[in-house]
Amino acid sequence: MTLLTGKAALVTGATGGIGAGIARRLAAHGARVLAHYRSRPPELPDVLAAQADLREPAEVDRLVAEAVDRLGGLDIVINNAGVQPVQPLSELTLADWRSVFAGNVDTAFLVTKAAANSMVERGVRGAITAVGSIEGSVPAVGHAHYASAKAALLMHTKAAALEYGPHGIRVNAVSPGLISRPGIEEAWPEGVHSWVSNAPLGRLGTPEDVGDACAFLASDLAGFITGQNLAVDGGMGVRPAW
């Protein structure tokens, strides 16, 4: 496939299922990919890898510079790094709240700023995509901090699209629904059954589904799309709640 041939892409948080799936699909579509990780290197034989703590501005700047150097440029950034703890709102501490915002919003802000500024300096009309969640619109019990952070991420996406648009840089988001991962059916059988029973397409999503959505938004096929949020949820968003 040649959708992204000649493009250089940085994917953050590429060790986990969705991040690894995104990195694989971008590479399959022809991009040169640098997969970021914080502690555990991804098992992705067809892509490069680099370590950084995205909560630290200096490390983010280093990572973006490393991506430009090792890939010979940087055209695409996928802000996938994030955390998703489960805690009742009544038990959340301020430290818990701030930790989730740091892991989901602060990291995306720092990467977007560093990457976009680098693109502006080099005259690159690039594409940046944030990986949000359908919980950015509809929260789940125990996810007050996570859902709030993902909602903030969607507004950050719109703001970045507004400010970097004049430089030809497009900024969008994808919001996955329930995505398959090893052991999910055994760990949460009632949730999986409910999802499959209610989603119009009748299945869980895959990391590759998210990766293909990211590839589309990063490609020239989406050249007039910016500031948008693409739900990758098998149609769950159209299911009536009554």
C-alpha atoms as a PDB file:
ATOM      1  CA  MET A   1       0.000   0.000   0.000  1.00  0.00           C
ATOM      2  CA  THR A   2       1.241   3.490  -0.838  1.00  0.00           C
ATOM      3  CA  LEU A   3      -1.088   5.802   1.089  1.00  0.00           C
ATOM      4  CA  LEU A   4       1.803   7.193   3.175  1.00  0.00           C
ATOM      5  CA  THR A   5       4.817   6.380   1.017  1.00  0.00           C
ATOM      6  CA  GLY A   6       7.599   8.895   1.583  1.00  0.00           C
ATOM      7  CA  LYS A   7       6.141  10.104   4.887  1.00  0.00           C
ATOM      8  CA  ALA A   8       7.867   9.964   8.268  1.00  0.00           C
ATOM      9  CA  ALA A   9       5.733   9.268  11.343  1.00  0.00           C
ATOM     10  CA  LEU A  10       6.157   9.361  15.121  1.00  0.00           C
ATOM     11  CA  VAL A  11       3.737   7.255  17.196  1.00  0.00           C
ATOM     12  CA  THR A  12       3.749   7.806  20.953  1.00  0.00           C
ATOM     13  CA  GLY A  13       2.850   5.085  23.416  1.00  0.00           C
ATOM     14  CA  ALA A  14       3.504   2.382  20.850  1.00  0.00           C
ATOM     15  CA  THR A  15       4.095  -0.499  23.255  1.00  0.00           C
ATOM     16  CA  GLY A  16       0.423  -1.158  24.036  1.00  0.00           C
ATOM     17  CA  GLY A  17      -2.145  -2.760  21.757  1.00  0.00           C
ATOM     18  CA  ILE A  18      -3.598   0.328  20.096  1.00  0.00           C
ATOM     19  CA  GLY A  19      -0.256   2.105  19.763  1.00  0.00           C
ATOM     20  CA  ALA A  20       1.418  -0.946  18.286  1.00  0.00           C
ATOM     21  CA  GLY A  21      -1.495  -1.433  15.895  1.00  0.00           C
ATOM     22  CA  ILE A  22      -1.211   2.171  14.728  1.00  0.00           C
ATOM     23  CA  ALA A  23       2.535   1.843  14.168  1.00  0.00           C
ATOM     24  CA  ARG A  24       2.052  -1.375  12.194  1.00  0.00           C
ATOM     25  CA  ARG A  25      -0.638   0.107   9.967  1.00  0.00           C
ATOM     26  CA  LEU A  26       1.286   3.306   9.242  1.00  0.00           C
ATOM     27  CA  ALA A  27       4.277   1.196   8.246  1.00  0.00           C
ATOM     28  CA  ALA A  28       2.049  -1.050   6.126  1.00  0.00           C
ATOM     29  CA  HIS A  29       0.754   2.057   4.350  1.00  0.00           C
ATOM     30  CA  GLY A  30       4.332   2.992   3.450  1.00  0.00           C
ATOM     31  CA  ALA A  31       5.451   5.374   6.192  1.00  0.00           C
ATOM     32  CA  ARG A  32       8.801   5.336   7.945  1.00  0.00           C
ATOM     33  CA  VAL A  33       7.850   4.979  11.617  1.00  0.00           C
ATOM     34  CA  LEU A  34       9.506   5.790  14.926  1.00  0.00           C
ATOM     35  CA  ALA A  35       7.658   4.082  17.790  1.00  0.00           C
ATOM     36  CA  HIS A  36       7.962   5.831  21.147  1.00  0.00           C
ATOM     37  CA  TYR A  37       7.944   4.036  24.488  1.00  0.00           C
ATOM     38  CA  ARG A  38       8.527   5.070  28.093  1.00  0.00           C
ATOM     39  CA  SER A  39       9.689   1.875  29.821  1.00  0.00           C
ATOM     40  CA  ARG A  40       9.144  -1.226  27.666  1.00  0.00           C
ATOM     41  CA  PRO A  41      10.305  -1.263  24.023  1.00  0.00           C
ATOM     42  CA  PRO A  42       7.614  -2.292  21.526  1.00  0.00           C
ATOM     43  CA  GLU A  43       7.957  -5.560  19.646  1.00  0.00           C
ATOM     44  CA  LEU A  44       7.713  -4.055  16.170  1.00  0.00           C
ATOM     45  CA  PRO A  45      10.406  -5.430  13.871  1.00  0.00           C
ATOM     46  CA  ASP A  46       9.513  -3.150  10.948  1.00  0.00           C
ATOM     47  CA  VAL A  47       9.846   0.171  12.781  1.00  0.00           C
ATOM     48  CA  LEU A  48      12.419   2.123  14.757  1.00  0.00           C
ATOM     49  CA  ALA A  49      11.968   2.759  18.490  1.00  0.00           C
ATOM     50  CA  ALA A  50      12.911   5.546  20.890  1.00  0.00           C
ATOM     51  CA  GLN A  51      12.472   6.069  24.624  1.00  0.00           C
ATOM     52  CA  ALA A  52      11.263   9.232  26.353  1.00  0.00           C
ATOM     53  CA  ASP A  53       9.216  10.384  29.334  1.00  0.00           C
ATOM     54  CA  LEU A  54       6.627  12.590  27.645  1.00  0.00           C
ATOM     55  CA  ARG A  55       5.798  14.352  30.890  1.00  0.00           C
ATOM     56  CA  GLU A  56       9.166  16.120  30.670  1.00  0.00           C
ATOM     57  CA  PRO A  57       9.385  18.978  28.125  1.00  0.00           C
ATOM     58  CA  ALA A  58      13.112  18.492  27.520  1.00  0.00           C
ATOM     59  CA  GLU A  59      12.595  14.802  26.710  1.00  0.00           C
ATOM     60  CA  VAL A  60       9.770  15.629  24.322  1.00  0.00           C
ATOM     61  CA  ASP A  61      11.983  18.101  22.491  1.00  0.00           C
ATOM     62  CA  ARG A  62      14.713  15.455  22.314  1.00  0.00           C
ATOM     63  CA  LEU A  63      12.286  12.841  20.988  1.00  0.00           C
ATOM     64  CA  VAL A  64      11.005  15.107  18.212  1.00  0.00           C
ATOM     65  CA  ALA A  65      14.562  16.024  17.224  1.00  0.00           C
ATOM     66  CA  GLU A  66      15.508  12.334  17.243  1.00  0.00           C
ATOM     67  CA  ALA A  67      12.542  11.502  15.035  1.00  0.00           C
ATOM     68  CA  VAL A  68      13.559  14.157  12.509  1.00  0.00           C
ATOM     69  CA  ASP A  69      17.141  12.905  12.542  1.00  0.00           C
ATOM     70  CA  ARG A  70      16.491   9.166  12.345  1.00  0.00           C
ATOM     71  CA  LEU A  71      13.570   9.339   9.915  1.00  0.00           C
ATOM     72  CA  GLY A  72      15.010  12.069   7.732  1.00  0.00           C
ATOM     73  CA  GLY A  73      12.103  14.357   8.581  1.00  0.00           C
ATOM     74  CA  LEU A  74       8.752  14.317  10.347  1.00  0.00           C
ATOM     75  CA  ASP A  75       5.401  14.593   8.578  1.00  0.00           C
ATOM     76  CA  ILE A  76       3.019  12.683  10.849  1.00  0.00           C
ATOM     77  CA  VAL A  77       2.546  12.516  14.606  1.00  0.00           C
ATOM     78  CA  ILE A  78       0.100  10.232  16.400  1.00  0.00           C
ATOM     79  CA  ASN A  79      -0.429  11.221  20.036  1.00  0.00           C
ATOM     80  CA  ASN A  80      -1.451   7.852  21.423  1.00  0.00           C
ATOM     81  CA  ALA A  81       0.333   7.788  24.803  1.00  0.00           C
ATOM     82  CA  GLY A  82      -2.066   7.771  27.728  1.00  0.00           C
ATOM     83  CA  VAL A  83      -3.204   6.170  30.970  1.00  0.00           C
ATOM     84  CA  GLN A  84      -6.596   4.719  31.934  1.00  0.00           C
ATOM     85  CA  PRO A  85      -6.975   3.879  35.631  1.00  0.00           C
ATOM     86  CA  VAL A  86     -10.382   3.048  37.104  1.00  0.00           C
ATOM     87  CA  GLN A  87     -11.414   4.776  40.343  1.00  0.00           C
ATOM     88  CA  PRO A  88     -14.736   6.003  41.720  1.00  0.00           C
ATOM     89  CA  LEU A  89     -15.038   9.778  41.630  1.00  0.00           C
ATOM     90  CA  SER A  90     -15.765   9.794  45.371  1.00  0.00           C
ATOM     91  CA  GLU A  91     -12.332   8.286  46.051  1.00  0.00           C
ATOM     92  CA  LEU A  92     -10.240  10.376  43.650  1.00  0.00           C
ATOM     93  CA  THR A  93      -7.528  12.556  45.129  1.00  0.00           C
ATOM     94  CA  LEU A  94      -6.210  15.669  43.464  1.00  0.00           C
ATOM     95  CA  ALA A  95      -2.994  13.761  42.784  1.00  0.00           C
ATOM     96  CA  ASP A  96      -4.977  11.013  41.021  1.00  0.00           C
ATOM     97  CA  TRP A  97      -6.772  13.609  38.897  1.00  0.00           C
ATOM     98  CA  ARG A  98      -3.588  15.439  37.969  1.00  0.00           C
ATOM     99  CA  SER A  99      -1.783  12.202  37.126  1.00  0.00           C
ATOM    100  CA  VAL A 100      -4.410  11.232  34.551  1.00  0.00           C
ATOM    101  CA  PHE A 101      -4.423  14.693  32.996  1.00  0.00           C
ATOM    102  CA  ALA A 102      -0.618  14.651  32.900  1.00  0.00           C
ATOM    103  CA  GLY A 103      -0.587  11.273  31.164  1.00  0.00           C
ATOM    104  CA  ASN A 104      -3.292  12.078  28.607  1.00  0.00           C
ATOM    105  CA  VAL A 105      -3.406  15.831  28.042  1.00  0.00           C
ATOM    106  CA  ASP A 106      -0.054  17.287  29.094  1.00  0.00           C
ATOM    107  CA  THR A 107       1.845  14.758  27.008  1.00  0.00           C
ATOM    108  CA  ALA A 108      -0.228  15.465  23.903  1.00  0.00           C
ATOM    109  CA  PHE A 109       0.165  19.210  24.401  1.00  0.00           C
ATOM    110  CA  LEU A 110       3.941  18.951  24.690  1.00  0.00           C
ATOM    111  CA  VAL A 111       4.336  16.613  21.709  1.00  0.00           C
ATOM    112  CA  THR A 112       1.954  18.610  19.519  1.00  0.00           C
ATOM    113  CA  LYS A 113       3.707  21.880  20.302  1.00  0.00           C
ATOM    114  CA  ALA A 114       7.218  20.512  19.748  1.00  0.00           C
ATOM    115  CA  ALA A 115       6.312  18.625  16.574  1.00  0.00           C
ATOM    116  CA  ALA A 116       4.223  21.398  15.034  1.00  0.00           C
ATOM    117  CA  ASN A 117       6.853  24.029  15.746  1.00  0.00           C
ATOM    118  CA  SER A 118       9.445  21.773  14.137  1.00  0.00           C
ATOM    119  CA  MET A 119       7.190  21.369  11.097  1.00  0.00           C
ATOM    120  CA  VAL A 120       6.728  25.141  10.840  1.00  0.00           C
ATOM    121  CA  GLU A 121      10.479  25.717  11.019  1.00  0.00           C
ATOM    122  CA  ARG A 122      11.090  23.192   8.229  1.00  0.00           C
ATOM    123  CA  GLY A 123       8.139  24.257   6.095  1.00  0.00           C
ATOM    124  CA  VAL A 124       6.391  20.895   6.425  1.00  0.00           C
ATOM    125  CA  ARG A 125       2.632  20.733   5.912  1.00  0.00           C
ATOM    126  CA  GLY A 126       2.182  17.902   8.380  1.00  0.00           C
ATOM    127  CA  ALA A 127      -0.604  16.037  10.138  1.00  0.00           C
ATOM    128  CA  ILE A 128      -1.033  15.449  13.858  1.00  0.00           C
ATOM    129  CA  THR A 129      -3.653  13.079  15.238  1.00  0.00           C
ATOM    130  CA  ALA A 130      -4.657  12.579  18.870  1.00  0.00           C
ATOM    131  CA  VAL A 131      -6.065   9.272  20.046  1.00  0.00           C
ATOM    132  CA  GLY A 132      -9.026  10.182  22.211  1.00  0.00           C
ATOM    133  CA  SER A 133     -11.915   7.989  23.315  1.00  0.00           C
ATOM    134  CA  ILE A 134     -15.665   7.859  22.972  1.00  0.00           C
ATOM    135  CA  GLU A 135     -15.556   8.588  26.706  1.00  0.00           C
ATOM    136  CA  GLY A 136     -14.571  12.112  25.777  1.00  0.00           C
ATOM    137  CA  SER A 137     -18.278  12.521  25.014  1.00  0.00           C
ATOM    138  CA  VAL A 138     -19.960   9.872  27.177  1.00  0.00           C
ATOM    139  CA  PRO A 139     -18.228   8.899  30.448  1.00  0.00           C
ATOM    140  CA  ALA A 140     -18.183   5.510  32.109  1.00  0.00           C
ATOM    141  CA  VAL A 141     -18.475   4.830  35.836  1.00  0.00           C
ATOM    142  CA  GLY A 142     -15.058   4.987  37.477  1.00  0.00           C
ATOM    143  CA  HIS A 143     -13.603   7.028  34.620  1.00  0.00           C
ATOM    144  CA  ALA A 144     -14.395  10.603  35.664  1.00  0.00           C
ATOM    145  CA  HIS A 145     -10.752  11.678  35.456  1.00  0.00           C
ATOM    146  CA  TYR A 146     -10.091   9.737  32.243  1.00  0.00           C
ATOM    147  CA  ALA A 147     -13.246  10.921  30.463  1.00  0.00           C
ATOM    148  CA  SER A 148     -12.565  14.518  31.493  1.00  0.00           C
ATOM    149  CA  ALA A 149      -8.996  14.275  30.213  1.00  0.00           C
ATOM    150  CA  LYS A 150     -10.132  12.855  26.870  1.00  0.00           C
ATOM    151  CA  ALA A 151     -12.711  15.643  26.546  1.00  0.00           C
ATOM    152  CA  ALA A 152      -9.938  18.161  27.161  1.00  0.00           C
ATOM    153  CA  LEU A 153      -7.823  16.409  24.544  1.00  0.00           C
ATOM    154  CA  LEU A 154     -10.553  16.890  21.941  1.00  0.00           C
ATOM    155  CA  MET A 155     -10.720  20.630  22.645  1.00  0.00           C
ATOM    156  CA  HIS A 156      -6.918  20.820  22.499  1.00  0.00           C
ATOM    157  CA  THR A 157      -7.156  19.205  19.066  1.00  0.00           C
ATOM    158  CA  LYS A 158      -9.559  21.888  17.853  1.00  0.00           C
ATOM    159  CA  ALA A 159      -7.428  24.688  19.296  1.00  0.00           C
ATOM    160  CA  ALA A 160      -4.261  23.327  17.702  1.00  0.00           C
ATOM    161  CA  ALA A 161      -6.048  22.944  14.363  1.00  0.00           C
ATOM    162  CA  LEU A 162      -7.083  26.594  14.542  1.00  0.00           C
ATOM    163  CA  GLU A 163      -3.626  27.926  15.343  1.00  0.00           C
ATOM    164  CA  TYR A 164      -1.497  25.697  13.131  1.00  0.00           C
ATOM    165  CA  GLY A 165      -3.875  25.611  10.162  1.00  0.00           C
ATOM    166  CA  PRO A 166      -2.362  28.735   8.575  1.00  0.00           C
ATOM    167  CA  HIS A 167       0.933  26.815   8.395  1.00  0.00           C
ATOM    168  CA  GLY A 168      -0.718  23.946   6.523  1.00  0.00           C
ATOM    169  CA  ILE A 169      -0.616  21.633   9.544  1.00  0.00           C
ATOM    170  CA  ARG A 170      -3.757  19.596  10.105  1.00  0.00           C
ATOM    171  CA  VAL A 171      -4.719  18.425  13.594  1.00  0.00           C
ATOM    172  CA  ASN A 172      -7.442  15.841  14.145  1.00  0.00           C
ATOM    173  CA  ALA A 173      -8.489  13.142  16.601  1.00  0.00           C
ATOM    174  CA  VAL A 174      -9.764   9.598  16.491  1.00  0.00           C
ATOM    175  CA  SER A 175     -11.965   8.292  19.304  1.00  0.00           C
ATOM    176  CA  PRO A 176     -11.951   4.512  19.620  1.00  0.00           C
ATOM    177  CA  GLY A 177     -14.744   2.526  21.187  1.00  0.00           C
ATOM    178  CA  LEU A 178     -14.104  -0.829  22.845  1.00  0.00           C
ATOM    179  CA  ILE A 179     -10.958  -2.260  21.245  1.00  0.00           C
ATOM    180  CA  SER A 180     -10.007  -5.918  21.471  1.00  0.00           C
ATOM    181  CA  ARG A 181      -6.975  -6.932  23.474  1.00  0.00           C
ATOM    182  CA  PRO A 182      -5.686 -10.295  24.720  1.00  0.00           C
ATOM    183  CA  GLY A 183      -7.797 -11.605  27.588  1.00  0.00           C
ATOM    184  CA  ILE A 184     -10.547  -8.979  27.437  1.00  0.00           C
ATOM    185  CA  GLU A 185     -13.316 -11.555  26.936  1.00  0.00           C
ATOM    186  CA  GLU A 186     -12.214 -13.458  30.041  1.00  0.00           C
ATOM    187  CA  ALA A 187     -11.609 -10.349  32.155  1.00  0.00           C
ATOM    188  CA  TRP A 188     -14.831  -8.514  31.249  1.00  0.00           C
ATOM    189  CA  PRO A 189     -17.286 -10.950  29.644  1.00  0.00           C
ATOM    190  CA  GLU A 190     -20.392  -8.909  30.474  1.00  0.00           C
ATOM    191  CA  GLY A 191     -18.924  -5.735  28.959  1.00  0.00           C
ATOM    192  CA  VAL A 192     -17.799  -7.476  25.789  1.00  0.00           C
ATOM    193  CA  HIS A 193     -21.194  -9.182  25.409  1.00  0.00           C
ATOM    194  CA  SER A 194     -23.038  -5.898  25.898  1.00  0.00           C
ATOM    195  CA  TRP A 195     -20.853  -4.101  23.380  1.00  0.00           C
ATOM    196  CA  VAL A 196     -21.106  -6.781  20.686  1.00  0.00           C
ATOM    197  CA  SER A 197     -24.862  -7.040  21.230  1.00  0.00           C
ATOM    198  CA  ASN A 198     -25.418  -3.291  20.866  1.00  0.00           C
ATOM    199  CA  ALA A 199     -22.839  -2.083  18.334  1.00  0.00           C
ATOM    200  CA  PRO A 200     -24.391  -1.905  14.846  1.00  0.00           C
ATOM    201  CA  LEU A 201     -21.366  -3.651  13.353  1.00  0.00           C
ATOM    202  CA  GLY A 202     -21.612  -6.398  15.985  1.00  0.00           C
ATOM    203  CA  ARG A 203     -17.968  -6.715  17.008  1.00  0.00           C
ATOM    204  CA  LEU A 204     -15.149  -5.177  19.013  1.00  0.00           C
ATOM    205  CA  GLY A 205     -12.755  -2.889  17.243  1.00  0.00           C
ATOM    206  CA  THR A 206      -9.149  -3.872  16.567  1.00  0.00           C
ATOM    207  CA  PRO A 207      -5.950  -1.863  16.961  1.00  0.00           C
ATOM    208  CA  GLU A 208      -5.636  -2.041  13.185  1.00  0.00           C
ATOM    209  CA  ASP A 209      -9.044  -0.361  12.801  1.00  0.00           C
ATOM    210  CA  VAL A 210      -7.695   2.589  14.769  1.00  0.00           C
ATOM    211  CA  GLY A 211      -4.442   2.481  12.813  1.00  0.00           C
ATOM    212  CA  ASP A 212      -6.221   2.685   9.466  1.00  0.00           C
ATOM    213  CA  ALA A 213      -8.274   5.657  10.675  1.00  0.00           C
ATOM    214  CA  CYS A 214      -5.041   7.374  11.695  1.00  0.00           C
ATOM    215  CA  ALA A 215      -3.473   6.553   8.337  1.00  0.00           C
ATOM    216  CA  PHE A 216      -6.431   8.108   6.514  1.00  0.00           C
ATOM    217  CA  LEU A 217      -6.304  11.317   8.545  1.00  0.00           C
ATOM    218  CA  ALA A 218      -2.543  11.562   8.008  1.00  0.00           C
ATOM    219  CA  SER A 219      -2.837  11.054   4.259  1.00  0.00           C
ATOM    220  CA  ASP A 220      -3.499  13.440   1.397  1.00  0.00           C
ATOM    221  CA  LEU A 221      -6.989  11.920   1.142  1.00  0.00           C
ATOM    222  CA  ALA A 222      -7.820  13.970   4.251  1.00  0.00           C
ATOM    223  CA  GLY A 223      -6.110  17.098   2.958  1.00  0.00           C
ATOM    224  CA  PHE A 224      -9.102  19.353   3.678  1.00  0.00           C
ATOM    225  CA  ILE A 225      -9.955  17.847   7.073  1.00  0.00           C
ATOM    226  CA  THR A 226      -8.750  19.448  10.294  1.00  0.00           C
ATOM    227  CA  GLY A 227     -10.105  20.049  13.772  1.00  0.00           C
ATOM    228  CA  GLN A 228     -12.302  16.957  13.551  1.00  0.00           C
ATOM    229  CA  ASN A 229     -12.917  13.916  15.728  1.00  0.00           C
ATOM    230  CA  LEU A 230     -13.429  10.587  13.930  1.00  0.00           C
ATOM    231  CA  ALA A 231     -15.222   7.993  16.061  1.00  0.00           C
ATOM    232  CA  VAL A 232     -13.931   4.462  15.485  1.00  0.00           C
ATOM    233  CA  ASP A 233     -16.683   2.730  17.409  1.00  0.00           C
ATOM    234  CA  GLY A 234     -18.493   0.323  15.110  1.00  0.00           C
ATOM    235  CA  GLY A 235     -21.475   2.648  15.058  1.00  0.00           C
ATOM    236  CA  MET A 236     -22.101   2.612  18.815  1.00  0.00           C
ATOM    237  CA  GLY A 237     -22.542   6.379  18.780  1.00  0.00           C
ATOM    238  CA  VAL A 238     -25.789   6.061  16.822  1.00  0.00           C
ATOM    239  CA  ARG A 239     -27.368   3.588  19.233  1.00  0.00           C
ATOM    240  CA  PRO A 240     -30.402   5.193  20.966  1.00  0.00           C
ATOM    241  CA  ALA A 241     -30.169   5.430  24.735  1.00  0.00           C
ATOM    242  CA  TRP A 242     -33.918   4.885  25.249  1.00  0.00           C
END
